Amino acid sequence: METVISNAIRESIAVKTSLLDYTNQIAAIAKKLCECFSLGHKVLLCGNGGSAADSMHLEGEFVCRFMKYRKALPAIALGTGLPTVSAVGNDLGFVELFSRQIEALAAPGDVLITISTSGNSDNIIRAAAKAKEMGVYTVGLLGGNGGKLAALVDRSLIIPSYVTARIQECHILVGHILCGIVEAEMFGDEIREYKGL
């Protein structure tokens, strides 16, 4: 059992260390997010399974806060409302879930972050295609060889692993890095007084 644990930790560290070769790509995504928010646009996120959870996680970091108490930033994780999910799934098919929400919620100048370990999920591919059609900048946090999404999105970051767990661990690390850069660039040393509980 200890060997399984240590091997998983070493594997995770190795994949995360490989991200040091992708700092320029991460910086470019962060710059685009800062531009989006600064111009009054919003960020939309989507994924399936664990990647859906990552989308919700990052929505919370933008809307509430990451490290600083500051002005809320507009972000929406798609696919979180059960009535919409069940209606679209039943009436149009699950493959249209995210593209339908993009059609309803997105506007030119927004950014869509697609999160997919394979890059081949049909509903994510359709979301990216709809977003591009509407003038929305598209980002892919991907894994493996990037799948079909790699060639479709405006900017991709492909985690160099085919192990779903390791890819997801890196996706949330990258997400946290992006949130940290956005806060630092947009708010500097400003820390707003916390008005909550």
N, C-alpha and C. Protein backbone atom coordinates (compact mmCIF):
# COMPACT_ATOMS: atom_id res chain seq x y z
N MET A 1 0.82 -1.21 0.00
CA MET A 1 0.00 0.00 0.00
C MET A 1 0.86 1.27 0.00
N GLU A 2 1.93 1.27 0.83
CA GLU A 2 2.81 2.43 0.87
C GLU A 2 3.46 2.70 -0.48
N THR A 3 3.76 1.63 -1.23
CA THR A 3 4.36 1.78 -2.55
C THR A 3 3.40 2.44 -3.52
N VAL A 4 2.14 2.04 -3.46
CA VAL A 4 1.12 2.67 -4.31
C VAL A 4 1.03 4.16 -4.01
N ILE A 5 1.03 4.49 -2.73
CA ILE A 5 0.92 5.90 -2.32
C ILE A 5 2.13 6.70 -2.80
N SER A 6 3.33 6.17 -2.54
CA SER A 6 4.54 6.91 -2.92
C SER A 6 4.67 7.04 -4.43
N ASN A 7 4.27 6.00 -5.17
CA ASN A 7 4.32 6.07 -6.63
C ASN A 7 3.37 7.13 -7.17
N ALA A 8 2.18 7.22 -6.59
CA ALA A 8 1.21 8.23 -7.03
C ALA A 8 1.74 9.64 -6.76
N ILE A 9 2.34 9.82 -5.60
CA ILE A 9 2.89 11.14 -5.26
C ILE A 9 4.03 11.50 -6.20
N ARG A 10 4.93 10.57 -6.45
CA ARG A 10 6.06 10.84 -7.36
C ARG A 10 5.58 11.13 -8.78
N GLU A 11 4.58 10.38 -9.22
CA GLU A 11 4.03 10.59 -10.56
C GLU A 11 3.40 11.98 -10.67
N SER A 12 2.66 12.37 -9.64
CA SER A 12 2.03 13.69 -9.64
C SER A 12 3.08 14.79 -9.66
N ILE A 13 4.12 14.64 -8.87
CA ILE A 13 5.19 15.64 -8.83
C ILE A 13 5.87 15.75 -10.19
N ALA A 14 6.10 14.61 -10.84
CA ALA A 14 6.79 14.61 -12.14
C ALA A 14 5.98 15.35 -13.20
N VAL A 15 4.68 15.09 -13.22
CA VAL A 15 3.84 15.77 -14.23
C VAL A 15 3.75 17.26 -13.92
N LYS A 16 3.61 17.61 -12.65
CA LYS A 16 3.55 19.02 -12.29
C LYS A 16 4.86 19.73 -12.61
N THR A 17 5.98 19.07 -12.38
CA THR A 17 7.28 19.66 -12.71
C THR A 17 7.39 19.94 -14.20
N SER A 18 6.79 19.10 -15.02
CA SER A 18 6.84 19.30 -16.48
C SER A 18 6.15 20.60 -16.90
N LEU A 19 5.27 21.12 -16.04
CA LEU A 19 4.58 22.37 -16.35
C LEU A 19 5.53 23.56 -16.39
N LEU A 20 6.72 23.41 -15.84
CA LEU A 20 7.71 24.48 -15.92
C LEU A 20 8.08 24.81 -17.36
N ASP A 21 7.83 23.87 -18.27
CA ASP A 21 8.08 24.11 -19.70
C ASP A 21 6.93 24.85 -20.38
N TYR A 22 5.85 25.10 -19.64
CA TYR A 22 4.65 25.69 -20.23
C TYR A 22 4.30 27.05 -19.61
N THR A 23 5.27 27.68 -18.97
CA THR A 23 4.97 28.94 -18.28
C THR A 23 4.51 30.04 -19.24
N ASN A 24 5.06 30.06 -20.46
CA ASN A 24 4.63 31.07 -21.44
C ASN A 24 3.17 30.90 -21.82
N GLN A 25 2.74 29.65 -21.97
CA GLN A 25 1.34 29.40 -22.33
C GLN A 25 0.40 29.79 -21.19
N ILE A 26 0.80 29.46 -19.96
CA ILE A 26 -0.02 29.82 -18.81
C ILE A 26 -0.11 31.34 -18.69
N ALA A 27 1.01 32.02 -18.89
CA ALA A 27 1.03 33.49 -18.82
C ALA A 27 0.14 34.10 -19.89
N ALA A 28 0.13 33.53 -21.08
CA ALA A 28 -0.71 34.05 -22.16
C ALA A 28 -2.19 33.91 -21.82
N ILE A 29 -2.57 32.79 -21.21
CA ILE A 29 -3.96 32.60 -20.79
C ILE A 29 -4.32 33.61 -19.71
N ALA A 30 -3.42 33.78 -18.74
CA ALA A 30 -3.67 34.74 -17.65
C ALA A 30 -3.85 36.15 -18.20
N LYS A 31 -3.02 36.53 -19.16
CA LYS A 31 -3.12 37.86 -19.77
C LYS A 31 -4.48 38.05 -20.44
N LYS A 32 -4.95 37.01 -21.12
CA LYS A 32 -6.25 37.09 -21.79
C LYS A 32 -7.38 37.22 -20.78
N LEU A 33 -7.28 36.50 -19.65
CA LEU A 33 -8.31 36.60 -18.61
C LEU A 33 -8.33 38.00 -18.01
N CYS A 34 -7.16 38.57 -17.75
CA CYS A 34 -7.10 39.94 -17.22
C CYS A 34 -7.74 40.92 -18.18
N GLU A 35 -7.44 40.77 -19.45
CA GLU A 35 -8.03 41.64 -20.48
C GLU A 35 -9.55 41.49 -20.50
N CYS A 36 -10.02 40.27 -20.44
CA CYS A 36 -11.45 39.99 -20.45
C CYS A 36 -12.15 40.68 -19.28
N PHE A 37 -11.66 40.45 -18.08
CA PHE A 37 -12.28 41.04 -16.89
C PHE A 37 -12.15 42.56 -16.89
N SER A 38 -11.00 43.08 -17.31
CA SER A 38 -10.78 44.53 -17.30
C SER A 38 -11.74 45.26 -18.22
N LEU A 39 -12.15 44.60 -19.29
CA LEU A 39 -13.05 45.23 -20.26
C LEU A 39 -14.52 44.98 -19.91
N GLY A 40 -14.78 44.37 -18.76
CA GLY A 40 -16.15 44.16 -18.32
C GLY A 40 -16.82 42.93 -18.87
N HIS A 41 -16.03 42.01 -19.41
CA HIS A 41 -16.59 40.76 -19.93
C HIS A 41 -16.52 39.68 -18.86
N LYS A 42 -16.98 38.50 -19.21
CA LYS A 42 -17.04 37.41 -18.23
C LYS A 42 -16.33 36.16 -18.74
N VAL A 43 -16.06 35.27 -17.80
CA VAL A 43 -15.43 33.99 -18.11
C VAL A 43 -16.45 32.88 -17.87
N LEU A 44 -16.59 32.00 -18.84
CA LEU A 44 -17.44 30.83 -18.72
C LEU A 44 -16.54 29.60 -18.69
N LEU A 45 -16.95 28.59 -17.94
CA LEU A 45 -16.15 27.38 -17.81
C LEU A 45 -17.03 26.15 -17.99
N CYS A 46 -16.48 25.10 -18.59
CA CYS A 46 -17.26 23.87 -18.69
C CYS A 46 -16.35 22.65 -18.72
N GLY A 47 -16.89 21.54 -18.24
CA GLY A 47 -16.20 20.27 -18.22
C GLY A 47 -17.16 19.18 -17.80
N ASN A 48 -16.75 17.94 -17.92
CA ASN A 48 -17.55 16.79 -17.53
C ASN A 48 -16.90 16.09 -16.34
N GLY A 49 -17.72 15.54 -15.46
CA GLY A 49 -17.19 14.76 -14.34
C GLY A 49 -16.31 15.60 -13.43
N GLY A 50 -15.08 15.12 -13.19
CA GLY A 50 -14.15 15.86 -12.35
C GLY A 50 -13.83 17.23 -12.92
N SER A 51 -13.85 17.35 -14.23
CA SER A 51 -13.58 18.64 -14.87
C SER A 51 -14.74 19.61 -14.66
N ALA A 52 -15.95 19.08 -14.49
CA ALA A 52 -17.08 19.93 -14.13
C ALA A 52 -16.87 20.49 -12.73
N ALA A 53 -16.38 19.64 -11.84
CA ALA A 53 -16.08 20.09 -10.48
C ALA A 53 -14.99 21.16 -10.49
N ASP A 54 -13.98 20.98 -11.35
CA ASP A 54 -12.93 22.00 -11.47
C ASP A 54 -13.50 23.32 -11.99
N SER A 55 -14.44 23.24 -12.92
CA SER A 55 -15.09 24.45 -13.45
C SER A 55 -15.80 25.20 -12.33
N MET A 56 -16.53 24.47 -11.49
CA MET A 56 -17.22 25.10 -10.37
C MET A 56 -16.24 25.67 -9.35
N HIS A 57 -15.17 24.94 -9.11
CA HIS A 57 -14.14 25.38 -8.18
C HIS A 57 -13.59 26.74 -8.63
N LEU A 58 -13.21 26.83 -9.90
CA LEU A 58 -12.61 28.07 -10.41
C LEU A 58 -13.62 29.21 -10.49
N GLU A 59 -14.87 28.89 -10.78
CA GLU A 59 -15.92 29.91 -10.73
C GLU A 59 -15.95 30.54 -9.34
N GLY A 60 -15.91 29.72 -8.32
CA GLY A 60 -15.93 30.22 -6.95
C GLY A 60 -14.74 31.10 -6.63
N GLU A 61 -13.56 30.74 -7.14
CA GLU A 61 -12.36 31.54 -6.89
C GLU A 61 -12.47 32.92 -7.53
N PHE A 62 -13.05 32.98 -8.74
CA PHE A 62 -13.20 34.28 -9.41
C PHE A 62 -14.30 35.12 -8.77
N VAL A 63 -15.45 34.52 -8.54
CA VAL A 63 -16.60 35.28 -8.04
C VAL A 63 -16.38 35.72 -6.59
N CYS A 64 -15.93 34.81 -5.74
CA CYS A 64 -15.73 35.16 -4.33
C CYS A 64 -14.35 35.77 -4.14
N ARG A 65 -13.35 34.93 -4.14
CA ARG A 65 -11.96 35.39 -4.04
C ARG A 65 -11.05 34.19 -4.14
N PHE A 66 -9.79 34.45 -4.42
CA PHE A 66 -8.77 33.41 -4.37
C PHE A 66 -7.92 33.63 -3.11
N MET A 67 -7.06 34.65 -3.14
CA MET A 67 -6.23 34.96 -1.97
C MET A 67 -6.59 36.31 -1.35
N LYS A 68 -7.29 37.15 -2.09
CA LYS A 68 -7.55 38.51 -1.62
C LYS A 68 -9.04 38.80 -1.55
N TYR A 69 -9.42 39.62 -0.59
CA TYR A 69 -10.77 40.16 -0.58
C TYR A 69 -10.77 41.33 -1.55
N ARG A 70 -11.50 41.21 -2.62
CA ARG A 70 -11.50 42.22 -3.68
C ARG A 70 -12.84 42.17 -4.41
N LYS A 71 -12.98 43.04 -5.38
CA LYS A 71 -14.20 43.09 -6.18
C LYS A 71 -14.45 41.72 -6.83
N ALA A 72 -15.72 41.33 -6.87
CA ALA A 72 -16.08 40.06 -7.51
C ALA A 72 -15.80 40.11 -9.01
N LEU A 73 -15.39 39.00 -9.56
CA LEU A 73 -15.15 38.89 -10.99
C LEU A 73 -16.20 37.96 -11.60
N PRO A 74 -16.77 38.34 -12.75
CA PRO A 74 -17.88 37.57 -13.33
C PRO A 74 -17.42 36.27 -14.01
N ALA A 75 -17.82 35.16 -13.43
CA ALA A 75 -17.50 33.85 -13.98
C ALA A 75 -18.70 32.93 -13.79
N ILE A 76 -18.92 32.06 -14.75
CA ILE A 76 -20.06 31.14 -14.70
C ILE A 76 -19.59 29.74 -15.09
N ALA A 77 -19.80 28.77 -14.21
CA ALA A 77 -19.57 27.37 -14.54
C ALA A 77 -20.84 26.82 -15.17
N LEU A 78 -20.74 26.36 -16.38
CA LEU A 78 -21.91 25.84 -17.10
C LEU A 78 -22.25 24.42 -16.64
N GLY A 79 -23.51 24.06 -16.79
CA GLY A 79 -23.94 22.70 -16.49
C GLY A 79 -24.21 22.44 -15.02
N THR A 80 -24.39 23.50 -14.24
CA THR A 80 -24.58 23.31 -12.80
C THR A 80 -26.04 23.33 -12.37
N GLY A 81 -26.94 23.79 -13.23
CA GLY A 81 -28.35 23.86 -12.87
C GLY A 81 -29.10 22.62 -13.34
N LEU A 82 -29.63 21.85 -12.41
CA LEU A 82 -30.29 20.59 -12.77
C LEU A 82 -31.47 20.79 -13.73
N PRO A 83 -32.34 21.80 -13.55
CA PRO A 83 -33.43 21.96 -14.51
C PRO A 83 -32.93 22.15 -15.94
N THR A 84 -31.87 22.96 -16.11
CA THR A 84 -31.32 23.17 -17.45
C THR A 84 -30.67 21.90 -17.98
N VAL A 85 -29.90 21.24 -17.15
CA VAL A 85 -29.24 20.00 -17.58
C VAL A 85 -30.26 18.96 -18.01
N SER A 86 -31.32 18.78 -17.21
CA SER A 86 -32.31 17.75 -17.55
C SER A 86 -33.15 18.15 -18.76
N ALA A 87 -33.45 19.45 -18.88
CA ALA A 87 -34.25 19.90 -20.03
C ALA A 87 -33.48 19.74 -21.33
N VAL A 88 -32.25 20.24 -21.35
CA VAL A 88 -31.45 20.13 -22.57
C VAL A 88 -31.15 18.67 -22.87
N GLY A 89 -30.78 17.90 -21.83
CA GLY A 89 -30.49 16.48 -22.04
C GLY A 89 -31.67 15.73 -22.61
N ASN A 90 -32.86 16.03 -22.12
CA ASN A 90 -34.06 15.34 -22.55
C ASN A 90 -34.53 15.81 -23.92
N ASP A 91 -34.54 17.12 -24.13
CA ASP A 91 -35.14 17.68 -25.35
C ASP A 91 -34.17 17.75 -26.53
N LEU A 92 -32.90 18.04 -26.25
CA LEU A 92 -31.93 18.26 -27.33
C LEU A 92 -30.79 17.25 -27.34
N GLY A 93 -30.60 16.58 -26.22
CA GLY A 93 -29.48 15.64 -26.09
C GLY A 93 -28.35 16.26 -25.29
N PHE A 94 -27.70 15.45 -24.47
CA PHE A 94 -26.64 15.94 -23.58
C PHE A 94 -25.51 16.60 -24.37
N VAL A 95 -25.34 16.19 -25.62
CA VAL A 95 -24.27 16.73 -26.45
C VAL A 95 -24.44 18.23 -26.67
N GLU A 96 -25.67 18.75 -26.52
CA GLU A 96 -25.94 20.17 -26.74
C GLU A 96 -25.94 20.99 -25.45
N LEU A 97 -25.67 20.34 -24.32
CA LEU A 97 -25.80 21.03 -23.03
C LEU A 97 -25.02 22.33 -22.97
N PHE A 98 -23.74 22.28 -23.22
CA PHE A 98 -22.91 23.47 -23.04
C PHE A 98 -23.08 24.47 -24.19
N SER A 99 -23.23 23.98 -25.41
CA SER A 99 -23.40 24.89 -26.55
C SER A 99 -24.69 25.69 -26.40
N ARG A 100 -25.72 25.07 -25.86
CA ARG A 100 -26.99 25.76 -25.64
C ARG A 100 -26.81 26.88 -24.61
N GLN A 101 -26.05 26.59 -23.55
CA GLN A 101 -25.81 27.61 -22.54
C GLN A 101 -24.90 28.72 -23.07
N ILE A 102 -23.95 28.36 -23.90
CA ILE A 102 -23.11 29.38 -24.54
C ILE A 102 -23.98 30.31 -25.36
N GLU A 103 -24.89 29.73 -26.14
CA GLU A 103 -25.79 30.54 -26.97
C GLU A 103 -26.60 31.51 -26.12
N ALA A 104 -27.01 31.07 -24.93
CA ALA A 104 -27.85 31.90 -24.07
C ALA A 104 -27.06 32.94 -23.28
N LEU A 105 -25.84 32.62 -22.87
CA LEU A 105 -25.14 33.43 -21.88
C LEU A 105 -23.91 34.17 -22.39
N ALA A 106 -23.31 33.70 -23.47
CA ALA A 106 -22.04 34.27 -23.91
C ALA A 106 -22.24 35.49 -24.80
N ALA A 107 -21.19 36.30 -24.85
CA ALA A 107 -21.19 37.50 -25.70
C ALA A 107 -19.77 37.71 -26.22
N PRO A 108 -19.64 38.41 -27.34
CA PRO A 108 -18.29 38.71 -27.84
C PRO A 108 -17.45 39.39 -26.76
N GLY A 109 -16.19 38.98 -26.67
CA GLY A 109 -15.31 39.53 -25.65
C GLY A 109 -15.18 38.64 -24.43
N ASP A 110 -16.13 37.73 -24.25
CA ASP A 110 -16.04 36.77 -23.15
C ASP A 110 -14.94 35.74 -23.44
N VAL A 111 -14.59 34.98 -22.43
CA VAL A 111 -13.64 33.87 -22.59
C VAL A 111 -14.32 32.59 -22.11
N LEU A 112 -14.20 31.54 -22.89
CA LEU A 112 -14.67 30.21 -22.49
C LEU A 112 -13.46 29.35 -22.17
N ILE A 113 -13.42 28.81 -20.96
CA ILE A 113 -12.39 27.84 -20.58
C ILE A 113 -13.01 26.46 -20.61
N THR A 114 -12.56 25.64 -21.54
CA THR A 114 -13.02 24.25 -21.63
C THR A 114 -12.00 23.38 -20.91
N ILE A 115 -12.49 22.47 -20.07
CA ILE A 115 -11.60 21.59 -19.32
C ILE A 115 -11.94 20.15 -19.70
N SER A 116 -10.97 19.47 -20.29
CA SER A 116 -11.21 18.10 -20.77
C SER A 116 -9.91 17.32 -20.73
N THR A 117 -9.90 16.20 -20.04
CA THR A 117 -8.67 15.41 -19.96
C THR A 117 -8.33 14.74 -21.29
N SER A 118 -9.34 14.48 -22.12
CA SER A 118 -9.10 13.83 -23.42
C SER A 118 -9.11 14.82 -24.57
N GLY A 119 -9.89 15.89 -24.43
CA GLY A 119 -10.06 16.83 -25.54
C GLY A 119 -11.02 16.32 -26.60
N ASN A 120 -11.74 15.24 -26.30
CA ASN A 120 -12.60 14.62 -27.31
C ASN A 120 -14.07 14.53 -26.90
N SER A 121 -14.46 15.19 -25.84
CA SER A 121 -15.87 15.14 -25.41
C SER A 121 -16.72 15.96 -26.37
N ASP A 122 -17.72 15.31 -26.95
CA ASP A 122 -18.53 15.98 -27.98
C ASP A 122 -19.21 17.24 -27.46
N ASN A 123 -19.72 17.21 -26.23
CA ASN A 123 -20.42 18.40 -25.74
C ASN A 123 -19.46 19.57 -25.51
N ILE A 124 -18.21 19.29 -25.17
CA ILE A 124 -17.21 20.34 -24.99
C ILE A 124 -16.78 20.87 -26.35
N ILE A 125 -16.61 19.99 -27.31
CA ILE A 125 -16.25 20.41 -28.67
C ILE A 125 -17.32 21.31 -29.25
N ARG A 126 -18.58 20.95 -29.06
CA ARG A 126 -19.67 21.78 -29.58
C ARG A 126 -19.73 23.13 -28.87
N ALA A 127 -19.41 23.13 -27.59
CA ALA A 127 -19.38 24.40 -26.85
C ALA A 127 -18.32 25.32 -27.42
N ALA A 128 -17.13 24.78 -27.67
CA ALA A 128 -16.04 25.59 -28.21
C ALA A 128 -16.39 26.12 -29.60
N ALA A 129 -17.01 25.27 -30.41
CA ALA A 129 -17.40 25.69 -31.76
C ALA A 129 -18.43 26.81 -31.71
N LYS A 130 -19.43 26.67 -30.84
CA LYS A 130 -20.46 27.70 -30.69
C LYS A 130 -19.84 29.00 -30.19
N ALA A 131 -18.92 28.89 -29.23
CA ALA A 131 -18.26 30.07 -28.68
C ALA A 131 -17.50 30.83 -29.76
N LYS A 132 -16.73 30.13 -30.57
CA LYS A 132 -15.96 30.76 -31.63
C LYS A 132 -16.89 31.44 -32.63
N GLU A 133 -17.99 30.78 -32.92
CA GLU A 133 -19.00 31.34 -33.83
C GLU A 133 -19.54 32.66 -33.30
N MET A 134 -19.59 32.81 -31.98
CA MET A 134 -20.16 34.00 -31.35
C MET A 134 -19.11 35.05 -30.97
N GLY A 135 -17.85 34.84 -31.35
CA GLY A 135 -16.82 35.81 -31.04
C GLY A 135 -16.27 35.71 -29.63
N VAL A 136 -16.37 34.53 -29.04
CA VAL A 136 -15.86 34.28 -27.69
C VAL A 136 -14.49 33.62 -27.82
N TYR A 137 -13.53 34.11 -27.06
CA TYR A 137 -12.18 33.54 -27.07
C TYR A 137 -12.21 32.21 -26.33
N THR A 138 -11.57 31.19 -26.88
CA THR A 138 -11.66 29.85 -26.30
C THR A 138 -10.30 29.35 -25.81
N VAL A 139 -10.32 28.78 -24.62
CA VAL A 139 -9.13 28.20 -24.01
C VAL A 139 -9.42 26.74 -23.72
N GLY A 140 -8.46 25.88 -23.96
CA GLY A 140 -8.60 24.46 -23.63
C GLY A 140 -7.56 24.04 -22.61
N LEU A 141 -8.01 23.61 -21.45
CA LEU A 141 -7.13 22.93 -20.50
C LEU A 141 -7.32 21.44 -20.76
N LEU A 142 -6.31 20.83 -21.35
CA LEU A 142 -6.47 19.50 -21.92
C LEU A 142 -5.43 18.54 -21.37
N GLY A 143 -5.41 17.31 -21.90
CA GLY A 143 -4.44 16.32 -21.51
C GLY A 143 -4.13 15.41 -22.68
N GLY A 144 -3.23 14.46 -22.47
CA GLY A 144 -2.88 13.51 -23.52
C GLY A 144 -2.27 14.22 -24.72
N ASN A 145 -2.89 14.01 -25.89
CA ASN A 145 -2.43 14.70 -27.10
C ASN A 145 -3.31 15.91 -27.43
N GLY A 146 -4.22 16.25 -26.52
CA GLY A 146 -5.08 17.41 -26.73
C GLY A 146 -6.39 17.09 -27.42
N GLY A 147 -6.45 15.94 -28.07
CA GLY A 147 -7.67 15.55 -28.76
C GLY A 147 -8.10 16.55 -29.83
N LYS A 148 -9.37 16.50 -30.20
CA LYS A 148 -9.91 17.38 -31.23
C LYS A 148 -9.95 18.83 -30.79
N LEU A 149 -10.09 19.05 -29.48
CA LEU A 149 -10.20 20.42 -28.97
C LEU A 149 -8.93 21.23 -29.20
N ALA A 150 -7.79 20.58 -29.18
CA ALA A 150 -6.52 21.30 -29.30
C ALA A 150 -6.47 22.15 -30.56
N ALA A 151 -7.01 21.63 -31.66
CA ALA A 151 -6.98 22.36 -32.93
C ALA A 151 -8.14 23.35 -33.05
N LEU A 152 -9.12 23.24 -32.17
CA LEU A 152 -10.32 24.07 -32.28
C LEU A 152 -10.23 25.34 -31.44
N VAL A 153 -9.63 25.26 -30.26
CA VAL A 153 -9.60 26.41 -29.37
C VAL A 153 -8.53 27.42 -29.79
N ASP A 154 -8.69 28.65 -29.31
CA ASP A 154 -7.72 29.70 -29.63
C ASP A 154 -6.39 29.48 -28.91
N ARG A 155 -6.45 28.95 -27.71
CA ARG A 155 -5.24 28.71 -26.92
C ARG A 155 -5.43 27.44 -26.11
N SER A 156 -4.49 26.52 -26.23
CA SER A 156 -4.60 25.27 -25.46
C SER A 156 -3.39 25.11 -24.54
N LEU A 157 -3.63 24.42 -23.44
CA LEU A 157 -2.56 23.98 -22.55
C LEU A 157 -2.79 22.50 -22.35
N ILE A 158 -1.88 21.70 -22.88
CA ILE A 158 -2.03 20.25 -22.86
C ILE A 158 -1.10 19.67 -21.80
N ILE A 159 -1.69 19.07 -20.78
CA ILE A 159 -0.90 18.44 -19.73
C ILE A 159 -0.26 17.17 -20.30
N PRO A 160 1.06 17.02 -20.20
CA PRO A 160 1.73 15.87 -20.83
C PRO A 160 1.59 14.57 -20.04
N SER A 161 0.38 14.07 -20.00
CA SER A 161 0.09 12.81 -19.32
C SER A 161 -1.18 12.22 -19.92
N TYR A 162 -1.30 10.90 -19.84
CA TYR A 162 -2.53 10.22 -20.27
C TYR A 162 -3.28 9.64 -19.07
N VAL A 163 -2.83 9.98 -17.87
CA VAL A 163 -3.48 9.49 -16.64
C VAL A 163 -4.45 10.57 -16.17
N THR A 164 -5.74 10.24 -16.19
CA THR A 164 -6.77 11.23 -15.88
C THR A 164 -6.52 11.95 -14.56
N ALA A 165 -6.19 11.20 -13.52
CA ALA A 165 -5.99 11.81 -12.20
C ALA A 165 -4.86 12.83 -12.22
N ARG A 166 -3.74 12.48 -12.88
CA ARG A 166 -2.60 13.40 -12.93
C ARG A 166 -2.94 14.65 -13.74
N ILE A 167 -3.70 14.48 -14.82
CA ILE A 167 -4.12 15.63 -15.63
C ILE A 167 -5.00 16.56 -14.81
N GLN A 168 -5.96 15.99 -14.10
CA GLN A 168 -6.87 16.82 -13.29
C GLN A 168 -6.13 17.55 -12.18
N GLU A 169 -5.14 16.88 -11.58
CA GLU A 169 -4.35 17.54 -10.54
C GLU A 169 -3.61 18.75 -11.11
N CYS A 170 -3.13 18.63 -12.33
CA CYS A 170 -2.44 19.75 -12.96
C CYS A 170 -3.41 20.84 -13.41
N HIS A 171 -4.60 20.44 -13.84
CA HIS A 171 -5.58 21.44 -14.25
C HIS A 171 -5.93 22.36 -13.09
N ILE A 172 -6.12 21.82 -11.90
CA ILE A 172 -6.49 22.68 -10.78
C ILE A 172 -5.29 23.51 -10.33
N LEU A 173 -4.08 22.97 -10.46
CA LEU A 173 -2.89 23.78 -10.17
C LEU A 173 -2.81 24.96 -11.13
N VAL A 174 -2.99 24.70 -12.41
CA VAL A 174 -2.97 25.78 -13.40
C VAL A 174 -4.09 26.77 -13.11
N GLY A 175 -5.27 26.26 -12.77
CA GLY A 175 -6.39 27.15 -12.43
C GLY A 175 -6.04 28.07 -11.28
N HIS A 176 -5.41 27.53 -10.25
CA HIS A 176 -5.02 28.36 -9.10
C HIS A 176 -3.97 29.39 -9.50
N ILE A 177 -3.04 29.00 -10.35
CA ILE A 177 -2.03 29.95 -10.83
C ILE A 177 -2.70 31.09 -11.59
N LEU A 178 -3.65 30.75 -12.46
CA LEU A 178 -4.37 31.77 -13.22
C LEU A 178 -5.12 32.72 -12.29
N CYS A 179 -5.80 32.18 -11.29
CA CYS A 179 -6.53 33.02 -10.34
C CYS A 179 -5.57 33.95 -9.60
N GLY A 180 -4.42 33.42 -9.20
CA GLY A 180 -3.45 34.24 -8.49
C GLY A 180 -2.90 35.36 -9.33
N ILE A 181 -2.61 35.08 -10.60
CA ILE A 181 -2.10 36.12 -11.50
C ILE A 181 -3.16 37.18 -11.75
N VAL A 182 -4.39 36.75 -11.99
CA VAL A 182 -5.48 37.71 -12.23
C VAL A 182 -5.62 38.65 -11.04
N GLU A 183 -5.64 38.11 -9.84
CA GLU A 183 -5.76 38.96 -8.66
C GLU A 183 -4.59 39.92 -8.53
N ALA A 184 -3.38 39.42 -8.74
CA ALA A 184 -2.20 40.28 -8.59
C ALA A 184 -2.18 41.38 -9.64
N GLU A 185 -2.51 41.03 -10.88
CA GLU A 185 -2.46 42.01 -11.97
C GLU A 185 -3.57 43.04 -11.88
N MET A 186 -4.75 42.60 -11.48
CA MET A 186 -5.90 43.50 -11.48
C MET A 186 -6.07 44.29 -10.19
N PHE A 187 -5.60 43.74 -9.08
CA PHE A 187 -5.85 44.38 -7.80
C PHE A 187 -4.57 44.74 -7.04
N GLY A 188 -3.41 44.32 -7.53
CA GLY A 188 -2.15 44.65 -6.89
C GLY A 188 -2.15 44.25 -5.44
N ASP A 189 -1.75 45.19 -4.59
CA ASP A 189 -1.70 44.92 -3.16
C ASP A 189 -3.01 45.26 -2.46
N GLU A 190 -4.01 45.66 -3.24
CA GLU A 190 -5.30 46.03 -2.65
C GLU A 190 -5.94 44.84 -1.95
N ILE A 191 -6.31 45.01 -0.72
CA ILE A 191 -7.07 43.99 0.01
C ILE A 191 -8.28 44.69 0.60
N ARG A 192 -9.43 44.36 0.12
CA ARG A 192 -10.66 45.00 0.58
C ARG A 192 -11.05 44.47 1.96
N GLU A 193 -11.67 45.31 2.73
CA GLU A 193 -12.15 44.89 4.05
C GLU A 193 -13.24 43.83 3.87
N TYR A 194 -13.11 42.76 4.63
CA TYR A 194 -14.06 41.67 4.54
C TYR A 194 -15.35 42.06 5.27
N LYS A 195 -16.47 42.04 4.55
CA LYS A 195 -17.76 42.46 5.12
C LYS A 195 -18.64 41.28 5.53
N GLY A 196 -18.11 40.07 5.36
CA GLY A 196 -18.93 38.89 5.62
C GLY A 196 -18.97 38.52 7.08
N LEU A 197 -19.27 37.23 7.36
CA LEU A 197 -19.39 36.77 8.74
C LEU A 197 -18.05 36.85 9.48
